[in-house]
């Protein structure tokens, strides 16, 4: 498809949507194609750009451009491929990994990237004062959990050893089949120690080291500009070890919380890619411009967190009643409309061959009985309860639908509260909520990525719920299992406990629905929505096929 045909298609789409006509002049997308500048809809303003603090997808897409871990993922297969480490060896028992770093790996200021950089960065990420929600990602490493929880003060006893400046040895507490996949998560990225020390205490939050002009990274791009609520700009880094293969000159990330606004920007040629698409526009694009619409499998789920410290939500019968009174078939058919699947378990189906235990069902009568047993017959005496979500039309529509279902089936009053991303995250992190919307995309393809987050006091738990039986199954039983099926039995038993206690309410399993200009190349679909930006480029002229 050439540029003239694409412009005609977009004009036809604008007409089909009943909107204003096309104007003249070159669009931002057309200019970007010529100049190899990618314009990326990022969904919302990033909370921060510190890889050891953030927890969201908006931050993820920026950080994987700015920083690089020991390994990367092949976006076509999701298998580990060399990153800063050009090669590695694993011991026969699966406990010791030895990584050999590239001699030409450099920070954006020209400093070499060393094994000591990784060791210090991982020590920082595990230091309790930093409050890293993803500290548990390290817990497969020997003594990492003890250090992160303050039981061990000497990081020298943690299984991270610098053999020399280009060799890092990591010793695990137990064999971990997905360990290499963890190393590509931003929580395990290195940070530049001299820069962090220049701008404050590196073991505390609130530093300005992440701002443009201060940030020193080791990824394929460098941070040029961060205008709050406007744009984050990264440009190709000349010091990156693989700079010769990086085709894009820059990426512009736009924080557009309103999905309808983002879709209009795409139609106007201001974005190459959107973060999502309004559900009511999916059918229009399927009919009028299927080349622009992408509906892809996604290893993720959408759910509601429940604060179990709130009196009316402390009883698991109440929590199960809330879960059983949601008509998920109606939601995916009439609200989300993007091919999502109703969720009655927490882990997505067939996650690396894992099958979850039998879940719950849509059962309004059973839900009313449970609520009555908990002391709220026909909803009587149930206090008004707030449902919190971050600003998004999609989140709002879903919240309204569930609010109405809970009123109809349980006769309880639910108020809705939307907040911008940073405020919402802060309130959820600090337990200042009653019910809060949430979503989770697997950090790697394994059921552990969905189940280890609910251990007692886990960094991403935030529900106040914990069960020592669950902890033992996830943290002891599964790691000790020698065979996959034995490991999965531990996970099934754990997930059964989670679904019985219901500190979280699964709603649907996700698909990734977004818009993309045909000229964007090097972005094969995968279950994690993972882009390897150094492989992405923009094609000018005829576009014959999709990735």
Protein backbone atom coordinates (compact mmCIF):
# COMPACT_ATOMS: atom_id res chain seq x y z
CA UNK A 1 0.00 0.00 0.00
CA UNK A 2 1.56 3.31 -1.04
CA UNK A 3 1.17 6.62 0.77
CA UNK A 4 -1.47 7.93 -1.66
CA UNK A 5 -3.64 4.84 -1.24
CA UNK A 6 -3.24 4.96 2.54
CA UNK A 7 -4.29 8.61 2.63
CA UNK A 8 -7.37 7.77 0.55
CA UNK A 9 -8.20 4.88 2.89
CA UNK A 10 -7.96 7.11 5.96
CA UNK A 11 -10.15 9.74 4.33
CA UNK A 12 -12.73 7.07 3.54
CA UNK A 13 -12.56 5.90 7.15
CA UNK A 14 -13.09 9.46 8.39
CA UNK A 15 -16.17 9.70 6.19
CA UNK A 16 -17.47 6.36 7.48
CA UNK A 17 -17.11 7.61 11.02
CA UNK A 18 -19.05 10.76 10.18
CA UNK A 19 -16.18 13.10 10.97
CA UNK A 20 -14.60 16.14 9.36
CA UNK A 21 -12.74 15.67 6.09
CA UNK A 22 -9.06 15.44 5.31
CA UNK A 23 -6.74 18.42 5.15
CA UNK A 24 -3.68 18.96 3.00
CA UNK A 25 0.00 18.89 3.83
CA UNK A 26 2.31 16.18 5.09
CA UNK A 27 1.24 14.45 8.29
CA UNK A 28 3.45 13.71 11.27
CA UNK A 29 3.40 10.03 10.27
CA UNK A 30 4.53 10.77 6.71
CA UNK A 31 7.36 12.95 7.98
CA UNK A 32 8.25 10.29 10.53
CA UNK A 33 8.44 7.63 7.83
CA UNK A 34 10.93 9.71 5.86
CA UNK A 35 13.00 10.61 8.92
CA UNK A 36 12.70 7.25 10.73
CA UNK A 37 10.93 8.84 13.72
CA UNK A 38 8.31 6.57 15.30
CA UNK A 39 5.27 8.26 16.91
CA UNK A 40 3.98 5.92 19.60
CA UNK A 41 0.72 6.22 21.57
CA UNK A 42 1.77 5.30 25.11
CA UNK A 43 -1.58 5.40 26.90
CA UNK A 44 -0.68 7.61 29.85
CA UNK A 45 2.02 9.74 31.45
CA UNK A 46 4.77 7.50 32.91
CA UNK A 47 4.91 7.35 36.68
CA UNK A 48 8.71 7.52 36.61
CA UNK A 49 11.64 6.29 34.52
CA UNK A 50 13.45 4.48 37.33
CA UNK A 51 13.39 0.76 36.44
CA UNK A 52 13.56 -0.24 40.12
CA UNK A 53 10.47 1.76 41.09
CA UNK A 54 7.90 1.61 38.28
CA UNK A 55 5.37 -1.17 37.66
CA UNK A 56 3.39 -0.26 34.52
CA UNK A 57 3.31 -0.82 30.76
CA UNK A 58 3.63 2.92 29.88
CA UNK A 59 6.97 2.92 31.67
CA UNK A 60 7.97 -0.43 30.19
CA UNK A 61 7.84 0.73 26.58
CA UNK A 62 10.13 3.68 27.33
CA UNK A 63 12.58 1.83 29.56
CA UNK A 64 13.26 -0.97 27.07
CA UNK A 65 14.44 1.74 24.67
CA UNK A 66 16.67 3.45 27.26
CA UNK A 67 18.16 0.49 29.11
CA UNK A 68 19.22 -3.07 28.37
CA UNK A 69 19.65 -6.12 30.58
CA UNK A 70 21.93 -9.10 30.31
CA UNK A 71 19.57 -10.73 27.82
CA UNK A 72 16.87 -9.64 25.38
CA UNK A 73 13.86 -11.48 23.97
CA UNK A 74 13.44 -12.47 20.35
CA UNK A 75 10.13 -10.72 19.55
CA UNK A 76 9.10 -13.51 17.17
CA UNK A 77 9.66 -16.42 19.59
CA UNK A 78 10.08 -14.74 23.04
CA UNK A 79 13.18 -16.90 23.52
CA UNK A 80 16.15 -15.27 25.32
CA UNK A 81 18.82 -13.80 23.04
CA UNK A 82 22.09 -12.03 23.94
CA UNK A 83 21.88 -8.48 25.29
CA UNK A 84 24.69 -6.92 27.30
CA UNK A 85 25.83 -10.49 27.89
CA UNK A 86 27.19 -11.87 24.62
CA UNK A 87 27.02 -15.42 25.99
CA UNK A 88 26.40 -17.42 29.17
CA UNK A 89 26.78 -20.89 30.64
CA UNK A 90 24.54 -22.77 33.06
CA UNK A 91 25.74 -25.47 35.45
CA UNK A 92 24.41 -29.01 35.07
CA UNK A 93 22.21 -28.64 38.16
CA UNK A 94 20.65 -25.41 36.86
CA UNK A 95 21.83 -23.36 39.84
CA UNK A 96 24.81 -21.36 38.54
CA UNK A 97 24.77 -18.99 35.56
CA UNK A 98 27.95 -17.33 34.33
CA UNK A 99 27.45 -14.29 32.07
CA UNK A 100 30.14 -12.87 29.83
CA UNK A 101 29.58 -9.18 29.07
CA UNK A 102 30.43 -7.50 25.79
CA UNK A 103 33.66 -5.53 25.65
CA UNK A 104 31.92 -2.82 23.62
CA UNK A 105 28.86 -2.36 25.88
CA UNK A 106 28.71 1.33 26.82
CA UNK A 107 26.59 3.76 28.80
CA UNK A 108 25.27 6.77 26.89
CA UNK A 109 28.06 8.91 28.41
CA UNK A 110 30.70 6.51 27.06
CA UNK A 111 31.51 4.64 30.28
CA UNK A 112 31.87 0.85 29.90
CA UNK A 113 29.02 -1.32 31.18
CA UNK A 114 30.55 -3.75 33.67
CA UNK A 115 29.63 -6.71 35.82
CA UNK A 116 29.98 -4.41 38.83
CA UNK A 117 27.25 -2.19 37.36
CA UNK A 118 24.84 -5.11 37.42
CA UNK A 119 25.85 -6.26 40.90
CA UNK A 120 25.42 -2.77 42.37
CA UNK A 121 22.16 -2.18 40.51
CA UNK A 122 20.70 -5.44 41.77
CA UNK A 123 21.79 -4.60 45.30
CA UNK A 124 19.99 -1.27 44.95
CA UNK A 125 16.86 -2.94 43.58
CA UNK A 126 16.76 -5.24 46.62
CA UNK A 127 17.50 -2.58 49.24
CA UNK A 128 14.38 -2.32 51.46
CA UNK A 129 14.45 1.50 51.68
CA UNK A 130 13.80 1.77 47.93
CA UNK A 131 10.49 -0.07 48.18
CA UNK A 132 10.83 -1.92 44.87
CA UNK A 133 7.49 -3.61 44.15
CA UNK A 134 9.29 -6.05 41.86
CA UNK A 135 11.96 -7.11 44.37
CA UNK A 136 10.43 -10.59 44.37
CA UNK A 137 11.61 -11.04 40.76
CA UNK A 138 15.08 -11.61 42.28
CA UNK A 139 14.05 -14.15 44.87
CA UNK A 140 15.24 -17.15 42.85
CA UNK A 141 18.79 -15.86 43.54
CA UNK A 142 20.39 -17.27 46.67
CA UNK A 143 19.71 -15.09 49.75
CA UNK A 144 18.06 -12.34 47.67
CA UNK A 145 14.82 -12.59 49.61
CA UNK A 146 16.63 -12.47 52.95
CA UNK A 147 18.46 -9.30 51.88
CA UNK A 148 15.29 -7.66 50.53
CA UNK A 149 13.36 -8.34 53.72
CA UNK A 150 16.11 -7.06 56.00
CA UNK A 151 16.99 -10.48 57.45
CA UNK A 152 20.44 -10.29 55.87
CA UNK A 153 22.51 -7.11 55.85
CA UNK A 154 25.53 -8.30 53.87
CA UNK A 155 24.88 -8.27 50.11
CA UNK A 156 28.10 -10.23 49.73
CA UNK A 157 26.16 -13.29 50.86
CA UNK A 158 23.66 -12.91 48.01
CA UNK A 159 24.34 -15.15 45.02
CA UNK A 160 25.70 -12.37 42.79
CA UNK A 161 29.47 -12.43 42.27
CA UNK A 162 31.70 -10.25 40.09
CA UNK A 163 34.46 -12.51 38.80
CA UNK A 164 35.95 -9.69 36.77
CA UNK A 165 34.58 -6.58 35.08
CA UNK A 166 33.19 -8.62 32.20
CA UNK A 167 32.09 -11.75 34.06
CA UNK A 168 29.12 -12.07 36.41
CA UNK A 169 28.26 -15.26 38.26
CA UNK A 170 24.72 -15.73 39.60
CA UNK A 171 23.87 -18.59 41.96
CA UNK A 172 20.23 -19.54 42.42
CA UNK A 173 18.52 -20.96 45.46
CA UNK A 174 16.70 -23.52 43.33
CA UNK A 175 16.45 -24.36 39.61
CA UNK A 176 14.30 -21.74 37.90
CA UNK A 177 13.22 -22.63 34.33
CA UNK A 178 12.30 -19.03 33.49
CA UNK A 179 15.33 -17.32 35.06
CA UNK A 180 16.76 -16.03 31.77
CA UNK A 181 13.38 -14.49 30.92
CA UNK A 182 13.47 -12.53 34.18
CA UNK A 183 16.67 -10.81 33.11
CA UNK A 184 14.89 -8.93 30.33
CA UNK A 185 12.42 -7.34 32.75
CA UNK A 186 13.12 -3.69 33.53
CA UNK A 187 13.29 -4.40 37.26
CA UNK A 188 16.58 -6.22 36.57
CA UNK A 189 18.08 -3.57 34.29
CA UNK A 190 21.31 -1.88 35.35
CA UNK A 191 21.47 1.80 36.31
CA UNK A 192 24.48 4.12 36.16
CA UNK A 193 25.77 4.43 39.72
CA UNK A 194 27.74 7.73 39.39
CA UNK A 195 24.67 9.45 37.96
CA UNK A 196 22.36 8.25 40.73
CA UNK A 197 24.87 9.29 43.38
CA UNK A 198 25.21 12.70 41.76
CA UNK A 199 21.52 13.47 42.15
CA UNK A 200 20.82 12.25 45.68
CA UNK A 201 20.58 9.10 47.76
CA UNK A 202 20.36 6.22 45.26
CA UNK A 203 18.53 4.06 47.81
CA UNK A 204 15.61 6.49 48.17
CA UNK A 205 12.87 7.57 45.81
CA UNK A 206 12.40 11.07 44.49
CA UNK A 207 15.72 11.62 42.72
CA UNK A 208 15.93 13.73 39.57
CA UNK A 209 18.40 11.37 37.88
CA UNK A 210 15.64 10.18 35.51
CA UNK A 211 15.06 13.61 33.95
CA UNK A 212 16.20 14.58 30.47
CA UNK A 213 19.74 15.92 30.67
CA UNK A 214 20.48 13.74 33.69
CA UNK A 215 19.54 10.23 32.53
CA UNK A 216 22.42 7.94 31.56
CA UNK A 217 21.32 4.65 30.02
CA UNK A 218 22.85 1.74 28.14
CA UNK A 219 20.06 0.98 25.66
CA UNK A 220 19.68 1.65 21.93
CA UNK A 221 18.18 5.09 22.61
CA UNK A 222 18.97 8.03 24.89
CA UNK A 223 16.52 10.32 26.68
CA UNK A 224 16.31 13.69 24.92
CA UNK A 225 13.09 15.23 26.21
CA UNK A 226 10.40 14.64 28.81
CA UNK A 227 7.61 17.20 28.75
CA UNK A 228 5.08 16.18 31.37
CA UNK A 229 1.72 15.20 29.87
CA UNK A 230 2.98 16.05 26.37
CA UNK A 231 5.75 13.80 25.06
CA UNK A 232 8.81 11.72 25.91
CA UNK A 233 11.45 11.78 23.16
CA UNK A 234 14.30 9.30 22.85
CA UNK A 235 16.92 9.37 20.08
CA UNK A 236 19.32 6.79 18.72
CA UNK A 237 22.33 6.38 20.99
CA UNK A 238 25.71 6.43 19.22
CA UNK A 239 27.37 4.59 22.13
CA UNK A 240 25.06 1.54 22.05
CA UNK A 241 27.00 -1.64 21.26
CA UNK A 242 24.65 -2.59 18.41
CA UNK A 243 24.01 0.94 17.10
CA UNK A 244 24.72 -0.11 13.51
CA UNK A 245 21.55 -2.22 13.52
CA UNK A 246 19.28 0.45 15.02
CA UNK A 247 17.25 1.89 12.15
CA UNK A 248 15.00 4.37 13.94
CA UNK A 249 16.47 7.78 14.63
CA UNK A 250 13.98 8.58 17.38
CA UNK A 251 10.78 7.51 19.15
CA UNK A 252 8.21 10.01 20.41
CA UNK A 253 5.96 8.59 23.16
CA UNK A 254 2.65 10.40 23.66
CA UNK A 255 0.74 10.05 26.95
CA UNK A 256 -2.89 10.09 25.75
CA UNK A 257 -5.21 8.76 28.44
CA UNK A 258 -8.40 9.35 26.44
CA UNK A 259 -8.60 6.46 23.99
CA UNK A 260 -11.00 8.35 21.72
CA UNK A 261 -8.54 11.23 21.47
CA UNK A 262 -5.77 8.78 20.66
CA UNK A 263 -7.85 7.21 17.88
CA UNK A 264 -8.52 10.65 16.40
CA UNK A 265 -4.79 11.40 16.49
CA UNK A 266 -4.16 8.18 14.59
CA UNK A 267 -6.71 9.08 11.92
CA UNK A 268 -5.17 12.53 11.59
CA UNK A 269 -1.75 11.00 10.90
CA UNK A 270 -0.22 12.03 14.22
CA UNK A 271 0.50 8.50 15.50
CA UNK A 272 2.00 5.40 13.96
CA UNK A 273 0.63 3.16 16.72
CA UNK A 274 -2.03 3.52 19.40
CA UNK A 275 -1.99 1.93 22.83
CA UNK A 276 -5.57 0.71 22.34
CA UNK A 277 -8.78 1.45 20.45
CA UNK A 278 -12.30 2.44 21.59
CA UNK A 279 -14.36 -0.78 21.68
CA UNK A 280 -17.15 0.78 19.64
CA UNK A 281 -14.71 1.55 16.80
CA UNK A 282 -13.45 -2.02 16.37
CA UNK A 283 -16.32 -3.06 14.09
CA UNK A 284 -15.88 0.07 11.96
CA UNK A 285 -12.20 -0.61 11.41
CA UNK A 286 -12.86 -4.27 10.67
CA UNK A 287 -15.20 -3.19 7.89
CA UNK A 288 -13.57 -0.03 6.56
CA UNK A 289 -9.84 -0.40 7.25
CA UNK A 290 -8.87 -3.90 8.42
CA UNK A 291 -5.23 -3.21 7.44
CA UNK A 292 -4.98 -0.75 10.32
CA UNK A 293 -6.62 -2.86 13.04
CA UNK A 294 -4.60 -5.37 15.07
CA UNK A 295 -6.36 -7.81 17.40
CA UNK A 296 -3.73 -10.11 18.87
CA UNK A 297 -3.52 -12.74 21.62
CA UNK A 298 -2.14 -11.31 24.85
CA UNK A 299 -0.90 -13.13 27.95
CA UNK A 300 -2.82 -10.94 30.35
CA UNK A 301 -5.94 -10.46 32.39
CA UNK A 302 -8.16 -7.67 33.68
CA UNK A 303 -9.30 -7.86 37.28
CA UNK A 304 -10.38 -5.90 40.34
CA UNK A 305 -8.28 -5.75 43.49
CA UNK A 306 -10.16 -5.83 46.80
CA UNK A 307 -8.73 -4.18 49.90
CA UNK A 308 -9.30 -6.94 52.45
CA UNK A 309 -8.60 -4.51 55.29
CA UNK A 310 -11.85 -2.66 54.53
CA UNK A 311 -14.47 -4.03 56.97
CA UNK A 312 -17.18 -4.93 54.42
CA UNK A 313 -14.59 -6.60 52.16
CA UNK A 314 -12.79 -8.56 54.89
CA UNK A 315 -15.19 -11.53 54.61
CA UNK A 316 -14.32 -13.89 51.71
CA UNK A 317 -18.04 -14.62 51.29
CA UNK A 318 -18.58 -10.98 50.34
CA UNK A 319 -15.67 -11.07 47.93
CA UNK A 320 -16.97 -14.25 46.29
CA UNK A 321 -20.46 -12.75 46.06
CA UNK A 322 -19.03 -9.76 44.18
CA UNK A 323 -17.20 -12.10 41.80
CA UNK A 324 -20.16 -14.41 41.16
CA UNK A 325 -22.59 -11.56 40.36
CA UNK A 326 -20.64 -10.23 37.34
CA UNK A 327 -21.97 -11.38 33.96
CA UNK A 328 -18.70 -11.68 32.06
CA UNK A 329 -20.32 -12.94 28.86
CA UNK A 330 -22.25 -9.69 28.62
CA UNK A 331 -19.11 -7.70 29.33
CA UNK A 332 -16.95 -9.20 26.57
CA UNK A 333 -19.82 -9.18 24.07
CA UNK A 334 -21.23 -5.71 24.67
CA UNK A 335 -18.64 -3.65 26.58
CA UNK A 336 -15.10 -4.65 25.59
CA UNK A 337 -15.99 -6.11 22.15
CA UNK A 338 -12.39 -7.00 21.33
CA UNK A 339 -12.28 -10.80 21.42
CA UNK A 340 -11.58 -11.03 25.16
CA UNK A 341 -12.48 -14.23 27.03
CA UNK A 342 -14.50 -14.29 30.29
CA UNK A 343 -12.17 -15.10 33.21
CA UNK A 344 -13.23 -17.45 36.00
CA UNK A 345 -9.66 -18.18 37.09
CA UNK A 346 -6.70 -15.85 37.45
CA UNK A 347 -4.05 -17.46 35.24
CA UNK A 348 -4.80 -17.31 31.49
CA UNK A 349 -5.62 -20.67 29.90
CA UNK A 350 -2.77 -22.82 28.58
CA UNK A 351 0.02 -20.64 29.94
CA UNK A 352 2.95 -22.83 28.88
CA UNK A 353 0.68 -25.86 29.18
CA UNK A 354 -0.67 -24.96 32.63
CA UNK A 355 -4.38 -25.54 33.25
CA UNK A 356 -5.92 -23.67 36.19
CA UNK A 357 -8.17 -25.48 38.70
CA UNK A 358 -11.96 -25.24 38.27
CA UNK A 359 -12.95 -21.68 38.99
CA UNK A 360 -16.23 -20.08 39.97
CA UNK A 361 -19.25 -19.30 37.79
CA UNK A 362 -21.74 -16.54 37.14
CA UNK A 363 -24.31 -17.38 39.81
CA UNK A 364 -26.37 -14.39 41.02
CA UNK A 365 -28.55 -16.50 43.31
CA UNK A 366 -25.52 -18.12 44.92
CA UNK A 367 -23.96 -14.67 45.27
CA UNK A 368 -27.03 -13.35 47.10
CA UNK A 369 -26.93 -16.31 49.47
CA UNK A 370 -23.26 -15.69 50.27
CA UNK A 371 -23.94 -12.00 50.89
CA UNK A 372 -26.81 -12.89 53.23
CA UNK A 373 -24.61 -15.36 55.11
CA UNK A 374 -22.06 -12.57 55.56
CA UNK A 375 -24.72 -10.42 57.24
CA UNK A 376 -26.04 -8.37 54.32
CA UNK A 377 -29.36 -9.94 53.21
CA UNK A 378 -30.52 -8.26 49.99
CA UNK A 379 -27.64 -5.83 50.43
CA UNK A 380 -29.09 -4.40 53.65
CA UNK A 381 -26.46 -2.70 55.79
CA UNK A 382 -23.74 -2.96 53.15
CA UNK A 383 -21.87 0.36 53.25
CA UNK A 384 -21.46 2.43 50.08
CA UNK A 385 -18.20 1.25 48.53
CA UNK A 386 -15.89 2.98 46.08
CA UNK A 387 -14.52 1.49 42.88
CA UNK A 388 -11.31 3.23 41.77
CA UNK A 389 -9.94 3.23 38.23
CA UNK A 390 -7.37 5.24 36.31
CA UNK A 391 -8.74 7.66 33.74
CA UNK A 392 -9.79 5.80 30.61
CA UNK A 393 -13.04 5.55 28.70
CA UNK A 394 -12.69 1.78 28.55
CA UNK A 395 -12.18 1.47 32.32
CA UNK A 396 -15.15 3.80 32.89
CA UNK A 397 -17.54 1.84 30.68
CA UNK A 398 -16.60 -1.41 32.35
CA UNK A 399 -16.91 0.10 35.83
CA UNK A 400 -20.39 1.46 35.01
CA UNK A 401 -21.50 -1.95 33.72
CA UNK A 402 -20.27 -3.78 36.83
CA UNK A 403 -21.68 -1.07 39.11
CA UNK A 404 -25.10 -1.72 37.57
CA UNK A 405 -24.72 -5.51 37.87
CA UNK A 406 -23.86 -5.27 41.56
CA UNK A 407 -26.85 -3.00 42.13
CA UNK A 408 -29.20 -5.27 40.21
CA UNK A 409 -28.04 -8.59 41.64
CA UNK A 410 -26.89 -7.66 45.17
CA UNK A 411 -28.66 -4.33 45.81
CA UNK A 412 -25.46 -2.63 46.93
CA UNK A 413 -24.30 0.91 46.20
CA UNK A 414 -20.99 1.34 44.41
CA UNK A 415 -19.57 4.78 43.68
CA UNK A 416 -17.02 5.33 40.92
CA UNK A 417 -13.83 7.36 41.20
CA UNK A 418 -11.41 7.95 38.34
CA UNK A 419 -7.92 9.34 38.91
CA UNK A 420 -4.94 10.02 36.68
CA UNK A 421 -2.33 7.28 36.44
CA UNK A 422 0.17 8.60 38.99
CA UNK A 423 -2.44 9.40 41.66
CA UNK A 424 -4.20 6.09 41.08
CA UNK A 425 -0.93 4.16 41.46
CA UNK A 426 -0.01 6.03 44.61
CA UNK A 427 -3.37 5.29 46.24
CA UNK A 428 -3.32 1.61 45.29
CA UNK A 429 0.30 1.24 46.42
CA UNK A 430 -0.55 2.71 49.82
CA UNK A 431 -3.81 0.82 50.30
CA UNK A 432 -5.95 3.96 49.97
CA UNK A 433 -8.74 2.26 48.06
CA UNK A 434 -11.61 -0.17 48.55
CA UNK A 435 -11.98 -1.80 45.13
CA UNK A 436 -9.55 -0.91 42.33
CA UNK A 437 -9.33 -1.94 38.72
CA UNK A 438 -6.11 -3.65 37.64
CA UNK A 439 -4.54 -5.48 34.74
CA UNK A 440 -1.60 -7.82 34.51
CA UNK A 441 0.49 -8.83 31.54
CA UNK A 442 2.83 -11.74 32.16
CA UNK A 443 6.43 -10.70 32.64
CA UNK A 444 7.39 -14.05 31.12
CA UNK A 445 5.52 -17.06 29.77
CA UNK A 446 5.00 -19.14 32.90
CA UNK A 447 2.14 -19.46 35.43
CA UNK A 448 4.52 -18.25 38.13
CA UNK A 449 4.30 -14.76 36.63
CA UNK A 450 0.59 -14.67 37.59
CA UNK A 451 0.72 -16.46 40.91
CA UNK A 452 3.85 -15.30 42.75
CA UNK A 453 2.44 -11.77 42.96
CA UNK A 454 -0.14 -12.86 45.59
CA UNK A 455 2.25 -14.16 48.25
CA UNK A 456 1.91 -12.46 51.61
CA UNK A 457 3.23 -8.88 51.47
CA UNK A 458 4.33 -9.35 47.85
CA UNK A 459 5.25 -6.08 46.17
CA UNK A 460 2.36 -6.29 43.70
CA UNK A 461 -0.15 -7.85 46.09
CA UNK A 462 -1.55 -4.67 47.70
CA UNK A 463 -4.77 -6.39 48.81
CA UNK A 464 -3.82 -7.02 52.43
CA UNK A 465 -4.53 -10.73 51.88
CA UNK A 466 -2.08 -13.49 52.68
CA UNK A 467 -2.17 -17.21 53.39
CA UNK A 468 0.83 -19.23 54.61
CA UNK A 469 -0.50 -22.26 52.71
CA UNK A 470 -0.47 -20.27 49.48
CA UNK A 471 3.01 -18.93 50.22
CA UNK A 472 4.36 -22.44 50.82
CA UNK A 473 2.91 -23.76 47.57
CA UNK A 474 4.28 -20.93 45.43
CA UNK A 475 7.59 -20.29 47.18
CA UNK A 476 8.53 -23.80 48.35
CA UNK A 477 6.49 -26.53 46.69
CA UNK A 478 6.72 -25.28 43.09
CA UNK A 479 10.45 -24.39 43.15
CA UNK A 480 11.32 -27.76 44.67
CA UNK A 481 9.40 -29.75 42.05
CA UNK A 482 11.68 -31.57 39.62
CA UNK A 483 9.05 -32.23 36.95
CA UNK A 484 6.80 -29.70 35.24
CA UNK A 485 3.55 -31.52 36.13
CA UNK A 486 4.51 -31.71 39.81
CA UNK A 487 5.31 -28.00 39.70
CA UNK A 488 1.97 -27.26 38.07
CA UNK A 489 0.13 -29.26 40.74
CA UNK A 490 1.60 -26.89 43.33
CA UNK A 491 0.36 -23.93 41.28
CA UNK A 492 -3.12 -25.42 40.83
CA UNK A 493 -3.46 -25.98 44.58
CA UNK A 494 -2.30 -22.41 45.19
CA UNK A 495 -4.68 -20.93 42.64
CA UNK A 496 -7.56 -22.90 44.20
CA UNK A 497 -6.81 -21.15 47.51
CA UNK A 498 -6.67 -17.78 45.75
CA UNK A 499 -10.05 -18.33 44.09
CA UNK A 500 -11.61 -19.47 47.34
CA UNK A 501 -10.37 -16.39 49.22
CA UNK A 502 -11.00 -14.06 46.23
CA UNK A 503 -8.83 -11.05 47.15
CA UNK A 504 -8.93 -10.32 43.43
CA UNK A 505 -11.84 -10.69 41.01
CA UNK A 506 -10.86 -11.93 37.54
CA UNK A 507 -13.04 -10.36 34.84
CA UNK A 508 -11.60 -11.23 31.42
CA UNK A 509 -8.49 -12.52 29.69
CA UNK A 510 -7.02 -9.87 27.48
CA UNK A 511 -6.41 -9.38 23.82
CA UNK A 512 -4.21 -6.61 22.50
CA UNK A 513 -6.36 -4.33 20.35
CA UNK A 514 -4.65 -1.36 18.72
CA UNK A 515 -4.18 0.59 15.49
CA UNK A 516 -0.98 0.58 13.46
CA UNK A 517 0.08 2.25 10.26
CA UNK A 518 1.12 -0.29 7.58
CA UNK A 519 4.56 1.30 7.21
CA UNK A 520 5.65 0.19 10.69
CA UNK A 521 7.88 -2.86 10.27
CA UNK A 522 9.73 -5.20 12.61
CA UNK A 523 6.92 -5.64 15.14
CA UNK A 524 5.81 -9.29 15.01
CA UNK A 525 2.84 -10.17 17.21
CA UNK A 526 3.66 -12.03 20.41
CA UNK A 527 1.87 -12.95 23.64
CA UNK A 528 3.61 -10.24 25.67
CA UNK A 529 3.19 -7.37 23.21
CA UNK A 530 6.98 -7.10 23.36
CA UNK A 531 8.78 -4.85 20.86
CA UNK A 532 12.51 -5.00 20.24
CA UNK A 533 12.91 -1.38 19.17
CA UNK A 534 16.29 -1.85 17.56
CA UNK A 535 14.59 -4.05 14.96
CA UNK A 536 11.75 -1.62 14.21
CA UNK A 537 11.83 0.63 11.15
CA UNK A 538 9.45 2.69 9.03
CA UNK A 539 8.87 1.84 5.41
CA UNK A 540 8.23 4.56 2.86
CA UNK A 541 6.21 3.74 -0.26
CA UNK A 542 4.56 0.43 -1.07
CA UNK A 543 3.85 -1.92 1.83
CA UNK A 544 3.35 -5.44 0.54
CA UNK A 545 2.85 -7.52 3.67
CA UNK A 546 2.52 -7.35 7.43
CA UNK A 547 4.99 -8.68 10.02
